[in-house]
Amino acid sequence: MRRVSPLVASGVLVVFAFALWYVIFVVPAGNFWLKITLASSLLAAGSVAAMGEGRAALFRLRLVDLAIGVGSALLLYGIFVLGKVLLTAILPRAGADIGSVYAPRGSLPLWLIGALLLLVTGPAEEIFWRGFLQHTLTARLGRAGGLVAATALYALVHLCTLNLPLILAAATAGLAWGVIFAWRGSAVAPIVSHALWGLLIFVLFPVA
């Protein structure tokens, strides 16, 4: 049986991601955290299945990538703290929009939300958006083209929320993780960065 090409698989999964994000953020039924955990896990599973033999190199564990992941998570958190101050000064309504992002925070125990973000959601999102999608687009469009296209799609998938701070946050974080992936050629540093950043910003030290 002929294997589906990574480019075709990435297109199918992107369409699936847009549908899933609509269900996560717009459809009120279900628990937000469980929905996003399941959605990101499905995308990651599809990505790993479509990667083929090159998947091992994308997840090779190196200490330097762990350090870059931790450092970039702390730096990105600082950027978001500063970004909130600037954005709310320019757009007073942004404070309410940022607060709405934290609305589902009480729907599960904080320790469980933290565990899901650290161990499942953050890593799974990076496996799909950077490890598979950006890697596939880079092979087609070059390093800069793959970075721009993957970052744009990561921001646009949040458009259904109509929440400007959230869309800008996705673009900013997606660009940061995309640059790290393009630099290192590995998904390990973005996975560590996304997982720790999510824990910091949603559980330990919220910016709302």
C-alpha atoms as a PDB file:
ATOM      1  CA  MET A   1       0.000   0.000   0.000  1.00  0.00           C
ATOM      2  CA  ARG A   2       1.411   3.366  -1.038  1.00  0.00           C
ATOM      3  CA  ARG A   3       2.214   5.689   1.864  1.00  0.00           C
ATOM      4  CA  VAL A   4       0.622   9.150   1.835  1.00  0.00           C
ATOM      5  CA  SER A   5       3.233  11.859   1.258  1.00  0.00           C
ATOM      6  CA  PRO A   6       4.099  14.112   4.224  1.00  0.00           C
ATOM      7  CA  LEU A   7       2.876  17.168   2.294  1.00  0.00           C
ATOM      8  CA  VAL A   8      -0.565  15.655   1.686  1.00  0.00           C
ATOM      9  CA  ALA A   9      -0.728  14.396   5.263  1.00  0.00           C
ATOM     10  CA  SER A  10       0.189  17.839   6.587  1.00  0.00           C
ATOM     11  CA  GLY A  11      -2.587  19.426   4.517  1.00  0.00           C
ATOM     12  CA  VAL A  12      -5.157  16.978   5.854  1.00  0.00           C
ATOM     13  CA  LEU A  13      -3.973  17.464   9.426  1.00  0.00           C
ATOM     14  CA  VAL A  14      -4.045  21.273   9.111  1.00  0.00           C
ATOM     15  CA  VAL A  15      -7.683  21.152   7.998  1.00  0.00           C
ATOM     16  CA  PHE A  16      -8.364  18.779  10.891  1.00  0.00           C
ATOM     17  CA  ALA A  17      -6.600  21.200  13.272  1.00  0.00           C
ATOM     18  CA  PHE A  18      -8.812  24.108  12.183  1.00  0.00           C
ATOM     19  CA  ALA A  19     -11.907  21.982  12.818  1.00  0.00           C
ATOM     20  CA  LEU A  20     -10.607  20.820  16.185  1.00  0.00           C
ATOM     21  CA  TRP A  21      -9.701  24.332  17.331  1.00  0.00           C
ATOM     22  CA  TYR A  22     -13.212  25.507  16.452  1.00  0.00           C
ATOM     23  CA  VAL A  23     -14.638  22.751  18.650  1.00  0.00           C
ATOM     24  CA  ILE A  24     -12.188  23.587  21.448  1.00  0.00           C
ATOM     25  CA  PHE A  25     -12.723  27.333  21.569  1.00  0.00           C
ATOM     26  CA  VAL A  26     -16.191  27.941  20.113  1.00  0.00           C
ATOM     27  CA  VAL A  27     -18.337  24.884  20.852  1.00  0.00           C
ATOM     28  CA  PRO A  28     -19.317  25.185  24.535  1.00  0.00           C
ATOM     29  CA  ALA A  29     -19.851  21.465  25.151  1.00  0.00           C
ATOM     30  CA  GLY A  30     -17.105  19.581  26.958  1.00  0.00           C
ATOM     31  CA  ASN A  31     -14.184  20.564  29.162  1.00  0.00           C
ATOM     32  CA  PHE A  32     -11.711  22.949  27.499  1.00  0.00           C
ATOM     33  CA  TRP A  33      -8.574  21.295  28.874  1.00  0.00           C
ATOM     34  CA  LEU A  34      -9.680  17.780  28.012  1.00  0.00           C
ATOM     35  CA  LYS A  35     -10.685  18.883  24.510  1.00  0.00           C
ATOM     36  CA  ILE A  36      -7.365  20.562  23.752  1.00  0.00           C
ATOM     37  CA  THR A  37      -5.443  17.624  25.218  1.00  0.00           C
ATOM     38  CA  LEU A  38      -7.332  15.150  23.056  1.00  0.00           C
ATOM     39  CA  ALA A  39      -7.074  17.336  19.937  1.00  0.00           C
ATOM     40  CA  SER A  40      -3.337  17.903  20.243  1.00  0.00           C
ATOM     41  CA  SER A  41      -2.784  14.207  20.945  1.00  0.00           C
ATOM     42  CA  LEU A  42      -4.674  13.226  17.798  1.00  0.00           C
ATOM     43  CA  LEU A  43      -2.636  15.661  15.701  1.00  0.00           C
ATOM     44  CA  ALA A  44       0.611  14.408  17.227  1.00  0.00           C
ATOM     45  CA  ALA A  45      -0.323  10.775  16.601  1.00  0.00           C
ATOM     46  CA  GLY A  46      -1.153  11.535  12.972  1.00  0.00           C
ATOM     47  CA  SER A  47       2.111  13.426  12.612  1.00  0.00           C
ATOM     48  CA  VAL A  48       4.273  10.624  13.998  1.00  0.00           C
ATOM     49  CA  ALA A  49       2.533   8.132  11.729  1.00  0.00           C
ATOM     50  CA  ALA A  50       3.206  10.317   8.670  1.00  0.00           C
ATOM     51  CA  MET A  51       6.823  11.225   9.495  1.00  0.00           C
ATOM     52  CA  GLY A  52       8.368   7.991   8.330  1.00  0.00           C
ATOM     53  CA  GLU A  53      11.997   7.117   8.933  1.00  0.00           C
ATOM     54  CA  GLY A  54      13.148  10.692   9.630  1.00  0.00           C
ATOM     55  CA  ARG A  55      11.317  10.931  12.923  1.00  0.00           C
ATOM     56  CA  ALA A  56      14.243   9.738  15.071  1.00  0.00           C
ATOM     57  CA  ALA A  57      16.476  12.680  14.119  1.00  0.00           C
ATOM     58  CA  LEU A  58      13.739  15.180  15.012  1.00  0.00           C
ATOM     59  CA  PHE A  59      13.535  13.898  18.587  1.00  0.00           C
ATOM     60  CA  ARG A  60      17.194  13.181  19.353  1.00  0.00           C
ATOM     61  CA  LEU A  61      17.796  14.179  22.966  1.00  0.00           C
ATOM     62  CA  ARG A  62      20.719  16.555  23.553  1.00  0.00           C
ATOM     63  CA  LEU A  63      21.486  18.467  26.750  1.00  0.00           C
ATOM     64  CA  VAL A  64      21.957  21.714  24.863  1.00  0.00           C
ATOM     65  CA  ASP A  65      18.414  21.472  23.503  1.00  0.00           C
ATOM     66  CA  LEU A  66      17.056  20.926  27.006  1.00  0.00           C
ATOM     67  CA  ALA A  67      18.897  24.047  28.172  1.00  0.00           C
ATOM     68  CA  ILE A  68      17.643  26.071  25.200  1.00  0.00           C
ATOM     69  CA  GLY A  69      14.116  24.885  25.907  1.00  0.00           C
ATOM     70  CA  VAL A  70      14.225  25.964  29.555  1.00  0.00           C
ATOM     71  CA  GLY A  71      15.895  29.299  28.809  1.00  0.00           C
ATOM     72  CA  SER A  72      13.545  30.171  25.958  1.00  0.00           C
ATOM     73  CA  ALA A  73      10.484  29.312  28.071  1.00  0.00           C
ATOM     74  CA  LEU A  74      11.605  31.780  30.749  1.00  0.00           C
ATOM     75  CA  LEU A  75      12.421  34.435  28.152  1.00  0.00           C
ATOM     76  CA  LEU A  76       9.115  33.957  26.364  1.00  0.00           C
ATOM     77  CA  TYR A  77       7.236  34.235  29.648  1.00  0.00           C
ATOM     78  CA  GLY A  78       8.985  37.546  30.310  1.00  0.00           C
ATOM     79  CA  ILE A  79       8.031  38.765  26.840  1.00  0.00           C
ATOM     80  CA  PHE A  80       4.396  37.908  27.528  1.00  0.00           C
ATOM     81  CA  VAL A  81       4.416  39.775  30.845  1.00  0.00           C
ATOM     82  CA  LEU A  82       5.789  42.866  29.092  1.00  0.00           C
ATOM     83  CA  GLY A  83       3.422  42.329  26.162  1.00  0.00           C
ATOM     84  CA  LYS A  84       0.408  42.377  28.456  1.00  0.00           C
ATOM     85  CA  VAL A  85       1.472  45.716  29.945  1.00  0.00           C
ATOM     86  CA  LEU A  86       1.977  47.265  26.520  1.00  0.00           C
ATOM     87  CA  LEU A  87      -1.149  45.794  24.929  1.00  0.00           C
ATOM     88  CA  THR A  88      -3.475  46.846  27.745  1.00  0.00           C
ATOM     89  CA  ALA A  89      -1.990  50.348  27.639  1.00  0.00           C
ATOM     90  CA  ILE A  90      -2.735  50.603  23.920  1.00  0.00           C
ATOM     91  CA  LEU A  91      -6.029  48.679  23.917  1.00  0.00           C
ATOM     92  CA  PRO A  92      -7.858  48.846  27.267  1.00  0.00           C
ATOM     93  CA  ARG A  93     -10.265  46.103  26.172  1.00  0.00           C
ATOM     94  CA  ALA A  94      -7.335  43.717  25.802  1.00  0.00           C
ATOM     95  CA  GLY A  95      -7.408  43.115  29.561  1.00  0.00           C
ATOM     96  CA  ALA A  96     -10.849  41.538  29.350  1.00  0.00           C
ATOM     97  CA  ASP A  97      -9.815  39.452  26.327  1.00  0.00           C
ATOM     98  CA  ILE A  98      -6.733  38.197  28.154  1.00  0.00           C
ATOM     99  CA  GLY A  99      -8.856  37.409  31.190  1.00  0.00           C
ATOM    100  CA  SER A 100     -11.223  35.338  29.055  1.00  0.00           C
ATOM    101  CA  VAL A 101      -8.314  33.080  28.081  1.00  0.00           C
ATOM    102  CA  TYR A 102      -8.086  32.083  31.741  1.00  0.00           C
ATOM    103  CA  ALA A 103     -11.833  31.485  32.109  1.00  0.00           C
ATOM    104  CA  PRO A 104     -11.503  27.664  31.856  1.00  0.00           C
ATOM    105  CA  ARG A 105      -8.759  27.676  34.523  1.00  0.00           C
ATOM    106  CA  GLY A 106     -11.108  26.560  37.282  1.00  0.00           C
ATOM    107  CA  SER A 107     -12.737  23.745  35.336  1.00  0.00           C
ATOM    108  CA  LEU A 108     -10.152  21.201  36.513  1.00  0.00           C
ATOM    109  CA  PRO A 109      -7.789  21.039  39.498  1.00  0.00           C
ATOM    110  CA  LEU A 110      -4.710  23.184  38.820  1.00  0.00           C
ATOM    111  CA  TRP A 111      -2.343  20.259  39.382  1.00  0.00           C
ATOM    112  CA  LEU A 112      -4.127  18.298  36.654  1.00  0.00           C
ATOM    113  CA  ILE A 113      -4.102  21.230  34.231  1.00  0.00           C
ATOM    114  CA  GLY A 114      -0.390  21.637  34.890  1.00  0.00           C
ATOM    115  CA  ALA A 115       0.290  17.955  34.331  1.00  0.00           C
ATOM    116  CA  LEU A 116      -1.650  17.950  31.051  1.00  0.00           C
ATOM    117  CA  LEU A 117       0.147  21.066  29.776  1.00  0.00           C
ATOM    118  CA  LEU A 118       3.581  19.844  30.783  1.00  0.00           C
ATOM    119  CA  LEU A 119       3.334  16.208  29.743  1.00  0.00           C
ATOM    120  CA  VAL A 120       0.768  16.058  26.939  1.00  0.00           C
ATOM    121  CA  THR A 121      -0.603  19.235  25.380  1.00  0.00           C
ATOM    122  CA  GLY A 122       2.609  21.257  25.037  1.00  0.00           C
ATOM    123  CA  PRO A 123       4.708  18.383  23.656  1.00  0.00           C
ATOM    124  CA  ALA A 124       1.905  17.154  21.371  1.00  0.00           C
ATOM    125  CA  GLU A 125       1.363  20.598  19.842  1.00  0.00           C
ATOM    126  CA  GLU A 126       5.073  20.931  19.070  1.00  0.00           C
ATOM    127  CA  ILE A 127       5.226  17.474  17.530  1.00  0.00           C
ATOM    128  CA  PHE A 128       2.557  18.586  15.057  1.00  0.00           C
ATOM    129  CA  TRP A 129       3.161  22.314  14.448  1.00  0.00           C
ATOM    130  CA  ARG A 130       6.952  22.334  14.378  1.00  0.00           C
ATOM    131  CA  GLY A 131       8.167  18.727  14.295  1.00  0.00           C
ATOM    132  CA  PHE A 132       5.891  17.719  11.444  1.00  0.00           C
ATOM    133  CA  LEU A 133       4.237  20.714   9.787  1.00  0.00           C
ATOM    134  CA  GLN A 134       7.147  23.157   9.787  1.00  0.00           C
ATOM    135  CA  HIS A 135       9.584  20.384   8.912  1.00  0.00           C
ATOM    136  CA  THR A 136       7.405  19.330   5.965  1.00  0.00           C
ATOM    137  CA  LEU A 137       6.866  22.898   4.748  1.00  0.00           C
ATOM    138  CA  THR A 138      10.593  23.627   5.067  1.00  0.00           C
ATOM    139  CA  ALA A 139      11.372  20.758   2.706  1.00  0.00           C
ATOM    140  CA  ARG A 140       9.015  22.387   0.201  1.00  0.00           C
ATOM    141  CA  LEU A 141       9.487  26.124   0.801  1.00  0.00           C
ATOM    142  CA  GLY A 142      12.943  26.414   2.350  1.00  0.00           C
ATOM    143  CA  ARG A 143      13.836  27.310   5.926  1.00  0.00           C
ATOM    144  CA  ALA A 144      12.420  30.849   5.901  1.00  0.00           C
ATOM    145  CA  GLY A 145       9.319  29.875   3.928  1.00  0.00           C
ATOM    146  CA  GLY A 146       8.572  26.925   6.172  1.00  0.00           C
ATOM    147  CA  LEU A 147       8.986  29.075   9.272  1.00  0.00           C
ATOM    148  CA  VAL A 148       6.666  31.819   7.997  1.00  0.00           C
ATOM    149  CA  ALA A 149       4.015  29.402   6.704  1.00  0.00           C
ATOM    150  CA  ALA A 150       3.912  27.263   9.850  1.00  0.00           C
ATOM    151  CA  THR A 151       3.822  30.324  12.114  1.00  0.00           C
ATOM    152  CA  ALA A 152       1.014  31.886  10.083  1.00  0.00           C
ATOM    153  CA  LEU A 153      -1.063  28.701  10.240  1.00  0.00           C
ATOM    154  CA  TYR A 154      -0.493  28.408  13.991  1.00  0.00           C
ATOM    155  CA  ALA A 155      -1.787  31.952  14.449  1.00  0.00           C
ATOM    156  CA  LEU A 156      -4.685  31.566  12.005  1.00  0.00           C
ATOM    157  CA  VAL A 157      -5.994  28.417  13.674  1.00  0.00           C
ATOM    158  CA  HIS A 158      -6.823  30.664  16.656  1.00  0.00           C
ATOM    159  CA  LEU A 159      -8.766  33.129  14.484  1.00  0.00           C
ATOM    160  CA  CYS A 160     -12.040  31.403  15.338  1.00  0.00           C
ATOM    161  CA  THR A 161     -11.741  32.807  18.869  1.00  0.00           C
ATOM    162  CA  LEU A 162     -11.945  36.420  17.609  1.00  0.00           C
ATOM    163  CA  ASN A 163      -9.663  37.175  20.567  1.00  0.00           C
ATOM    164  CA  LEU A 164      -6.911  39.536  19.380  1.00  0.00           C
ATOM    165  CA  PRO A 165      -4.527  39.027  22.337  1.00  0.00           C
ATOM    166  CA  LEU A 166      -4.802  35.250  21.945  1.00  0.00           C
ATOM    167  CA  ILE A 167      -4.110  35.416  18.198  1.00  0.00           C
ATOM    168  CA  LEU A 168      -1.120  37.724  18.773  1.00  0.00           C
ATOM    169  CA  ALA A 169       0.101  35.425  21.544  1.00  0.00           C
ATOM    170  CA  ALA A 170      -0.093  32.414  19.225  1.00  0.00           C
ATOM    171  CA  ALA A 171       1.810  34.295  16.522  1.00  0.00           C
ATOM    172  CA  THR A 172       4.503  35.411  18.970  1.00  0.00           C
ATOM    173  CA  ALA A 173       4.977  32.050  20.651  1.00  0.00           C
ATOM    174  CA  GLY A 174       4.699  30.167  17.361  1.00  0.00           C
ATOM    175  CA  LEU A 175       7.397  32.351  15.819  1.00  0.00           C
ATOM    176  CA  ALA A 176       9.684  31.819  18.799  1.00  0.00           C
ATOM    177  CA  TRP A 177       9.296  28.048  18.740  1.00  0.00           C
ATOM    178  CA  GLY A 178       9.561  28.027  14.953  1.00  0.00           C
ATOM    179  CA  VAL A 179      12.858  29.940  15.050  1.00  0.00           C
ATOM    180  CA  ILE A 180      14.226  27.526  17.645  1.00  0.00           C
ATOM    181  CA  PHE A 181      13.173  24.551  15.514  1.00  0.00           C
ATOM    182  CA  ALA A 182      14.722  26.052  12.372  1.00  0.00           C
ATOM    183  CA  TRP A 183      17.931  26.771  14.283  1.00  0.00           C
ATOM    184  CA  ARG A 184      18.303  23.440  16.046  1.00  0.00           C
ATOM    185  CA  GLY A 185      16.704  21.126  13.463  1.00  0.00           C
ATOM    186  CA  SER A 186      15.131  19.266  16.362  1.00  0.00           C
ATOM    187  CA  ALA A 187      11.743  19.347  18.072  1.00  0.00           C
ATOM    188  CA  VAL A 188      13.197  18.751  21.542  1.00  0.00           C
ATOM    189  CA  ALA A 189      13.931  22.387  22.448  1.00  0.00           C
ATOM    190  CA  PRO A 190      10.511  23.659  21.251  1.00  0.00           C
ATOM    191  CA  ILE A 191       8.789  20.813  23.122  1.00  0.00           C
ATOM    192  CA  VAL A 192      10.546  21.674  26.387  1.00  0.00           C
ATOM    193  CA  SER A 193       9.952  25.399  25.859  1.00  0.00           C
ATOM    194  CA  HIS A 194       6.242  25.036  25.049  1.00  0.00           C
ATOM    195  CA  ALA A 195       5.623  22.642  27.930  1.00  0.00           C
ATOM    196  CA  LEU A 196       7.339  24.821  30.558  1.00  0.00           C
ATOM    197  CA  TRP A 197       5.898  28.069  29.180  1.00  0.00           C
ATOM    198  CA  GLY A 198       2.390  26.623  29.333  1.00  0.00           C
ATOM    199  CA  LEU A 199       2.915  25.569  32.942  1.00  0.00           C
ATOM    200  CA  LEU A 200       4.244  29.014  33.877  1.00  0.00           C
ATOM    201  CA  ILE A 201       1.668  31.140  32.138  1.00  0.00           C
ATOM    202  CA  PHE A 202      -1.494  29.108  32.792  1.00  0.00           C
ATOM    203  CA  VAL A 203      -0.844  27.552  36.200  1.00  0.00           C
ATOM    204  CA  LEU A 204       2.090  28.920  38.214  1.00  0.00           C
ATOM    205  CA  PHE A 205       2.205  32.628  37.321  1.00  0.00           C
ATOM    206  CA  PRO A 206      -0.800  33.701  35.197  1.00  0.00           C
ATOM    207  CA  VAL A 207      -0.511  37.114  33.543  1.00  0.00           C
ATOM    208  CA  ALA A 208      -4.239  37.929  33.676  1.00  0.00           C
END
